[in-house]
Every structure is written in C-alpha cells, then in structure tokens.
Protein backbone atom coordinates (compact mmCIF):
# COMPACT_ATOMS: atom_id res chain seq x y z
CA MET A 1 -13.22 -11.85 6.52
CA SER A 2 -9.53 -11.82 5.73
CA VAL A 3 -6.53 -13.84 4.66
CA VAL A 4 -3.92 -13.42 7.40
CA ILE A 5 -0.23 -14.12 6.90
CA ILE A 6 1.93 -14.18 10.02
CA GLY A 7 5.63 -13.54 10.50
CA VAL A 8 8.32 -11.04 11.40
CA PHE A 9 8.91 -10.51 7.67
CA ASP A 10 12.27 -8.81 8.24
CA GLY A 11 13.49 -7.74 4.80
CA VAL A 12 10.28 -8.75 2.96
CA HIS A 13 12.55 -10.92 0.81
CA LYS A 14 11.76 -13.33 -2.03
CA GLY A 15 10.50 -15.96 0.38
CA HIS A 16 8.14 -13.54 2.08
CA GLN A 17 6.98 -12.30 -1.32
CA ALA A 18 6.10 -15.88 -2.28
CA ILE A 19 3.84 -16.08 0.78
CA LEU A 20 2.20 -12.78 -0.14
CA ASN A 21 1.73 -13.95 -3.73
CA ARG A 22 0.06 -17.14 -2.47
CA ALA A 23 -2.25 -15.04 -0.32
CA LYS A 24 -3.13 -12.91 -3.32
CA ALA A 25 -3.93 -16.00 -5.39
CA ILE A 26 -6.49 -17.28 -2.87
CA ALA A 27 -7.86 -14.06 -1.38
CA GLY A 28 -10.48 -13.24 -3.98
CA ASP A 29 -12.52 -10.35 -2.58
CA GLU A 30 -11.12 -10.80 0.93
CA LYS A 31 -8.46 -8.45 2.19
CA ILE A 32 -4.94 -9.64 2.93
CA ILE A 33 -3.61 -8.73 6.37
CA ALA A 34 0.08 -9.16 7.20
CA LEU A 35 0.49 -9.68 10.95
CA THR A 36 4.01 -8.74 11.98
CA PHE A 37 5.79 -8.21 15.29
CA ASP A 38 7.91 -5.39 16.66
CA PRO A 39 10.43 -5.56 18.18
CA HIS A 40 11.87 -8.84 16.94
CA PRO A 41 10.70 -11.61 19.32
CA VAL A 42 14.28 -12.75 19.94
CA SER A 43 15.02 -9.34 21.48
CA ILE A 44 12.52 -10.23 24.23
CA PHE A 45 13.41 -13.90 24.74
CA SER A 46 17.21 -13.60 24.34
CA PRO A 47 18.29 -9.96 24.06
CA ASP A 48 21.96 -10.91 23.69
CA LYS A 49 21.09 -12.98 20.60
CA ALA A 50 18.77 -10.47 18.96
CA PRO A 51 19.58 -10.06 15.25
CA THR A 52 20.19 -6.76 13.56
CA LEU A 53 17.37 -5.83 11.20
CA LEU A 54 17.24 -5.81 7.41
CA THR A 55 14.43 -3.26 7.40
CA VAL A 56 13.25 -0.66 9.88
CA LEU A 57 9.57 -1.02 10.75
CA THR A 58 8.33 1.79 8.51
CA ASP A 59 10.10 0.25 5.50
CA ARG A 60 8.78 -3.22 6.37
CA ILE A 61 5.20 -1.94 6.43
CA GLU A 62 5.66 -0.14 3.11
CA LEU A 63 7.21 -3.22 1.47
CA LEU A 64 4.49 -5.56 2.73
CA LYS A 65 1.90 -3.25 1.15
CA ILE A 66 3.88 -3.07 -2.10
CA HIS A 67 3.86 -6.87 -2.24
CA ASN A 68 0.08 -7.42 -1.96
CA ALA A 69 -0.81 -6.80 1.71
CA ASP A 70 -3.93 -4.65 1.98
CA GLN A 71 -3.29 -3.97 5.65
CA VAL A 72 -0.40 -4.50 8.05
CA ALA A 73 -1.15 -5.27 11.69
CA VAL A 74 1.83 -4.57 13.94
CA MET A 75 1.75 -6.48 17.21
CA ARG A 76 3.96 -5.01 19.91
CA PHE A 77 5.99 -7.97 21.11
CA THR A 78 6.27 -7.38 24.83
CA PRO A 79 7.01 -9.75 27.73
CA GLU A 80 3.27 -9.61 28.51
CA PHE A 81 2.33 -10.56 24.95
CA ALA A 82 4.83 -13.43 25.07
CA THR A 83 2.86 -14.98 27.96
CA MET A 84 -0.39 -15.15 25.96
CA THR A 85 -1.66 -18.70 25.65
CA PRO A 86 -1.94 -20.24 22.18
CA GLU A 87 -5.74 -20.34 22.55
CA ASP A 88 -5.90 -16.64 23.43
CA PHE A 89 -3.66 -15.74 20.48
CA VAL A 90 -5.98 -17.55 18.10
CA ASN A 91 -9.25 -16.37 19.63
CA LYS A 92 -8.37 -12.78 20.53
CA ILE A 93 -6.02 -11.89 17.67
CA LEU A 94 -6.81 -14.07 14.66
CA VAL A 95 -10.55 -14.55 15.14
CA GLN A 96 -11.88 -11.54 17.05
CA GLN A 97 -9.53 -8.80 15.84
CA LEU A 98 -8.47 -9.90 12.35
CA HIS A 99 -11.52 -11.99 11.39
CA ALA A 100 -9.36 -14.58 9.66
CA SER A 101 -10.94 -16.98 7.18
CA THR A 102 -7.54 -18.26 6.08
CA VAL A 103 -4.23 -18.19 7.96
CA ILE A 104 -0.96 -18.71 6.08
CA VAL A 105 2.23 -19.56 7.99
CA GLY A 106 5.62 -21.18 7.41
CA LYS A 107 6.22 -24.77 8.47
CA ASN A 108 8.26 -23.74 11.55
CA PHE A 109 5.68 -21.27 12.87
CA THR A 110 5.02 -21.35 16.61
CA TYR A 111 2.82 -19.13 18.76
CA GLY A 112 1.73 -18.54 22.31
CA HIS A 113 3.50 -18.88 25.64
CA LYS A 114 6.77 -20.82 25.39
CA ALA A 115 6.00 -21.48 21.69
CA ALA A 116 3.46 -24.10 22.78
CA GLY A 117 1.32 -23.54 19.68
CA THR A 118 2.46 -25.25 16.47
CA VAL A 119 1.17 -25.57 12.92
CA GLU A 120 -0.49 -28.82 13.96
CA SER A 121 -2.45 -27.17 16.76
CA LEU A 122 -3.32 -24.27 14.45
CA LYS A 123 -4.83 -26.73 11.97
CA THR A 124 -7.25 -27.98 14.63
CA HIS A 125 -9.10 -24.68 14.61
CA THR A 126 -12.20 -24.78 12.44
CA GLU A 127 -12.85 -21.03 12.46
CA PHE A 128 -10.40 -20.64 9.57
CA GLU A 129 -8.39 -22.69 7.10
CA THR A 130 -4.69 -23.06 7.87
CA ILE A 131 -2.21 -23.19 4.98
CA VAL A 132 1.37 -24.16 5.78
CA LEU A 133 4.02 -23.20 3.23
CA ASP A 134 7.38 -24.90 2.90
CA LEU A 135 9.39 -22.48 0.81
CA ALA A 136 11.45 -24.07 -1.92
CA PRO A 137 15.21 -23.52 -1.58
CA GLU A 138 17.18 -21.43 -4.05
CA ASP A 139 20.77 -22.41 -4.87
CA GLY A 140 20.33 -25.31 -2.47
CA GLU A 141 19.46 -23.00 0.44
CA VAL A 142 16.20 -21.68 1.81
CA ILE A 143 15.79 -17.93 1.45
CA SER A 144 15.76 -16.52 4.97
CA SER A 145 16.40 -13.26 6.76
CA THR A 146 19.28 -14.94 8.61
CA ARG A 147 20.94 -15.96 5.35
CA ILE A 148 20.58 -12.49 3.85
CA ARG A 149 21.87 -10.86 7.04
CA LYS A 150 25.03 -13.02 6.80
CA LEU A 151 25.52 -12.10 3.13
CA ILE A 152 25.35 -8.40 3.99
CA THR A 153 27.72 -8.57 6.96
CA ASP A 154 30.11 -10.50 4.68
CA GLY A 155 29.89 -7.67 2.14
CA ASN A 156 28.06 -9.70 -0.51
CA VAL A 157 25.48 -7.02 -1.22
CA GLU A 158 25.00 -8.27 -4.80
CA LYS A 159 23.60 -11.66 -3.70
CA ALA A 160 21.63 -9.97 -0.93
CA ARG A 161 20.10 -7.66 -3.52
CA GLU A 162 19.05 -10.69 -5.57
CA LEU A 163 17.32 -12.37 -2.61
CA LEU A 164 15.72 -9.14 -1.39
CA THR A 165 14.74 -8.19 -4.98
CA ARG A 166 16.11 -4.70 -4.26
CA PRO A 167 19.27 -3.14 -2.84
CA HIS A 168 19.82 -3.43 0.91
CA ARG A 169 19.37 -0.03 2.52
CA LEU A 170 20.22 1.84 5.69
CA ASP A 171 18.02 4.65 7.00
CA GLY A 172 19.41 7.34 9.26
CA ILE A 173 20.15 10.99 9.90
CA VAL A 174 23.04 12.88 8.29
CA VAL A 175 25.40 13.81 11.10
CA HIS A 176 28.60 15.83 11.32
CA GLY A 177 31.80 13.87 10.76
CA GLU A 178 35.41 15.02 10.58
CA LYS A 179 34.66 16.97 7.36
CA ARG A 180 37.80 15.50 5.82
CA GLY A 181 35.91 14.50 2.68
CA ARG A 182 34.87 18.08 2.10
CA GLU A 183 38.48 19.23 2.53
CA ILE A 184 39.77 16.82 -0.13
CA GLY A 185 36.99 17.37 -2.65
CA TYR A 186 34.71 14.48 -1.78
CA PRO A 187 32.07 15.80 0.63
CA THR A 188 30.22 12.87 2.14
CA ALA A 189 26.95 12.39 3.99
CA ASN A 190 27.84 10.64 7.24
CA LEU A 191 24.88 8.50 8.29
CA GLY A 192 24.06 8.27 11.97
CA ASP A 193 21.20 6.79 13.99
CA LEU A 194 21.76 3.28 12.60
CA ASP A 195 21.03 1.38 15.80
CA ASN A 196 20.02 -2.25 15.19
CA GLN A 197 20.29 -2.04 11.39
CA THR A 198 22.42 -4.52 9.43
CA VAL A 199 25.55 -2.69 8.27
CA PRO A 200 27.68 -4.29 5.53
CA SER A 201 31.31 -5.17 6.22
CA ASP A 202 34.00 -2.50 5.92
CA GLY A 203 34.78 -1.57 2.34
CA ILE A 204 33.89 0.63 -0.60
CA TYR A 205 30.53 0.21 -2.35
CA ALA A 206 28.57 1.67 -5.24
CA GLY A 207 24.93 2.53 -4.73
CA TRP A 208 22.60 5.43 -4.13
CA LEU A 209 21.99 8.20 -1.61
CA THR A 210 18.43 9.43 -1.15
CA VAL A 211 17.37 12.57 0.71
CA GLY A 212 13.77 13.65 0.32
CA ILE A 213 12.75 13.36 -3.32
CA ASP A 214 16.39 13.35 -4.53
CA ARG A 215 18.21 10.07 -5.28
CA TRP A 216 21.80 10.31 -6.45
CA PRO A 217 24.29 7.65 -7.57
CA ALA A 218 26.91 7.39 -4.83
CA ALA A 219 30.25 5.98 -3.79
CA ILE A 220 29.91 4.61 -0.26
CA SER A 221 32.57 3.99 2.37
CA ILE A 222 32.20 1.91 5.53
CA GLY A 223 35.05 1.76 8.01
CA THR A 224 37.35 3.75 10.23
CA ASN A 225 39.34 5.71 7.60
CA PRO A 226 42.59 3.95 8.59
CA THR A 227 44.78 6.06 6.28
CA PHE A 228 44.38 9.01 8.64
CA ALA A 229 45.84 9.21 12.13
CA GLY A 230 43.70 8.76 15.20
CA LYS A 231 41.09 6.33 16.34
CA ARG A 232 37.45 6.60 15.31
CA GLY A 233 34.39 4.40 15.25
CA ARG A 234 32.97 2.80 12.14
CA GLN A 235 31.46 5.33 9.81
CA VAL A 236 28.96 4.89 7.00
CA GLU A 237 29.31 7.73 4.53
CA ALA A 238 28.19 8.35 0.97
CA TYR A 239 29.52 10.74 -1.65
CA ALA A 240 26.76 11.81 -4.06
CA LEU A 241 28.53 11.63 -7.42
CA ASP A 242 28.95 14.92 -9.28
CA GLN A 243 26.81 16.88 -6.81
CA VAL A 244 28.06 20.26 -5.56
CA GLY A 245 26.97 22.38 -2.61
CA LEU A 246 24.64 19.91 -0.92
CA ASP A 247 23.70 20.78 2.66
CA LEU A 248 22.29 17.58 4.13
CA TYR A 249 23.07 17.87 7.85
CA THR A 250 20.24 16.72 10.17
CA LYS A 251 18.17 15.45 7.23
CA SER A 252 16.79 11.94 7.01
CA ALA A 253 18.71 9.94 4.42
CA THR A 254 18.84 6.48 2.91
CA ILE A 255 21.88 4.68 1.54
CA GLU A 256 21.31 1.75 -0.83
CA PHE A 257 24.05 -0.79 -1.58
CA GLY A 258 24.31 -2.05 -5.15
CA TRP A 259 27.83 -3.41 -5.52
CA ARG A 260 30.94 -3.98 -3.44
CA LEU A 261 33.95 -2.38 -5.13
CA ARG A 262 36.85 -3.28 -2.84
CA ASP A 263 38.12 -3.80 0.69
CA THR A 264 39.20 -0.93 2.90
CA LEU A 265 42.89 -0.20 2.29
CA VAL A 266 45.54 1.77 4.15
CA PHE A 267 47.26 4.23 1.79
CA ASP A 268 50.71 5.76 2.13
CA GLY A 269 49.50 9.33 2.22
CA LEU A 270 46.80 11.46 0.65
CA GLU A 271 47.88 11.36 -3.02
CA PRO A 272 47.49 7.59 -3.60
CA LEU A 273 44.20 7.73 -1.69
CA LEU A 274 42.89 10.45 -4.01
CA VAL A 275 43.90 8.42 -7.07
CA GLN A 276 42.02 5.41 -5.75
CA MET A 277 38.99 7.50 -4.81
CA ALA A 278 38.78 8.85 -8.34
CA GLN A 279 38.85 5.27 -9.65
CA ASP A 280 36.18 4.22 -7.15
CA CYS A 281 33.91 7.06 -8.20
CA ALA A 282 34.39 6.25 -11.88
CA LYS A 283 33.44 2.63 -11.26
CA ALA A 284 30.45 3.62 -9.14
CA ARG A 285 29.32 6.03 -11.84
CA GLU A 286 29.60 3.29 -14.46
CA LEU A 287 27.66 0.70 -12.41
CA THR A 288 24.84 2.99 -11.31
CA GLU A 289 24.26 4.12 -14.90
CA LEU A 290 23.64 0.56 -16.10
C-alpha cells in the first residue's frame, strides 16, 4: 500500500514540500508516491495559456525524491488521458496501479474528464483515506507556482529563491554566440535549448554555472546586448568568475540565479561597459562567497 500525493508540482516549492512532509509524517512503513503530470495539463486544455515551467521534468523528479517521495509516477497528460472519467482515474490509477491507502491533495484538486471529479467526490471512495490540505499563506499570499513564476519574470530571484528553498535554475546546452565576451576578456557560456523554461527578466545577476561536476560562481546576463549594434534575440549567458580556458560548447549546463544586480543598461562605448562589468563581477564574487 502507498501514500499518494497528486499534483503537477512545478518547482517543488515550499508549499509542495509541506505536502511531502505531511505524507512522510503519516506514511509509516508505506511508501510515498508522488503522482505528477507531463506536460502541464494547461498545455493540453489551453495551449495559448500554458505557463512556462519552473523545473524541467528530470529536475522535478529529482526534487520530489529529495523531499521525501520514495517513487515518482509520471502520467503523460494527453488528450486521451484528459477524457478519462473520474471513476476510471480513481480505479485504474489510484487503486489498481498505485495501491493507494491514503491520497493527499490540495483543496482545489480536480480530476477526470472536464474536471468533474472534486475533493468531495474523492472523499466518497472507501478504498483509501483522502486528506485535503489547505496550505497556509506566507506574507499574506499562498505559495504557488504561479506566484513564483511571476517573481522570476519580474526579476525578483531573491524572493523566488526563498519560496523555492533554492535558487531558480535554467537547464540547457551551451551554444555558440557572437563570441564578443571572449574578445573583451569575459568569455561567457551562452545557454540554448531553453524552450518552455521560466527565464528571469532582462538584467545582470549573480549566481552559479554548473557543467558536469564543476560549479562555478558566475555573473549572468540576460538580454539583447543593446550597447552593441545590430539586432539579436534575448540571450542568457554566464561568465564563470576567474576561470580561464574553459571549452563548454555543446555541453549540458545549468545556470542558477542567486541575486539580481542591476537592470540592463546601454553604455556609450566599450570602455564604460568594461568598467561596469568589472564592478558586476566583483559584486557577484562577493555575494557567491557568502
């Protein structure tokens, strides 16, 4: 038998961790299974309204296991799955596949075709106990993935870090950029393959760059490099502080955002830009050494 918690769990934030902690407190010898969905259900129901993600699926699974889940069951959320009746969801998924003795959900949980199943209908099932959690607000607001997503896109990575209990991160592949950073003494890792991830607002940040087993303090830039002529798309690039001769192209990399340093500025030439970049790196070095 198992204790099953159900949700998208995007970000595995403080609120999700509270659910996992509650599951741990009641599980005893039973295993805890986190049932999550991929892709995000909204991407099936209303693709134009689908949110960007706080965590890619592999990170979400890892974080759920870090925070007490013994197993993670990933349900592919397809149009066919969305037509499953509430009764079939309970009988086929919760009872037959996951062998649930206890099911833990949030108060707004719905399931089955057209969200016909509610917490009230879930409680009518006698095969398992249903526990409904109403997460207590923090700072007057409920901790939610939507709230954290807004903080990040506003550039408030410090508050997002507090609610996530870790720095927000982007996972991608190091791609070739314009190589301008290398020419001016600040070679950066330009992160590509960021589709559907939540990218902070344009600006300069302090954080970390991880490639393989190496994790370096970094100064991070997001934007279009407006000081230089020409038009270009938004770039996410990180300069690994005090590292020389790194060859990171085509490697998987992670950028973590600790602090926002400043907005993106347009400089009157290269010299004032270099002065500011030196100041940014000094501040990033100071913060990441705390």
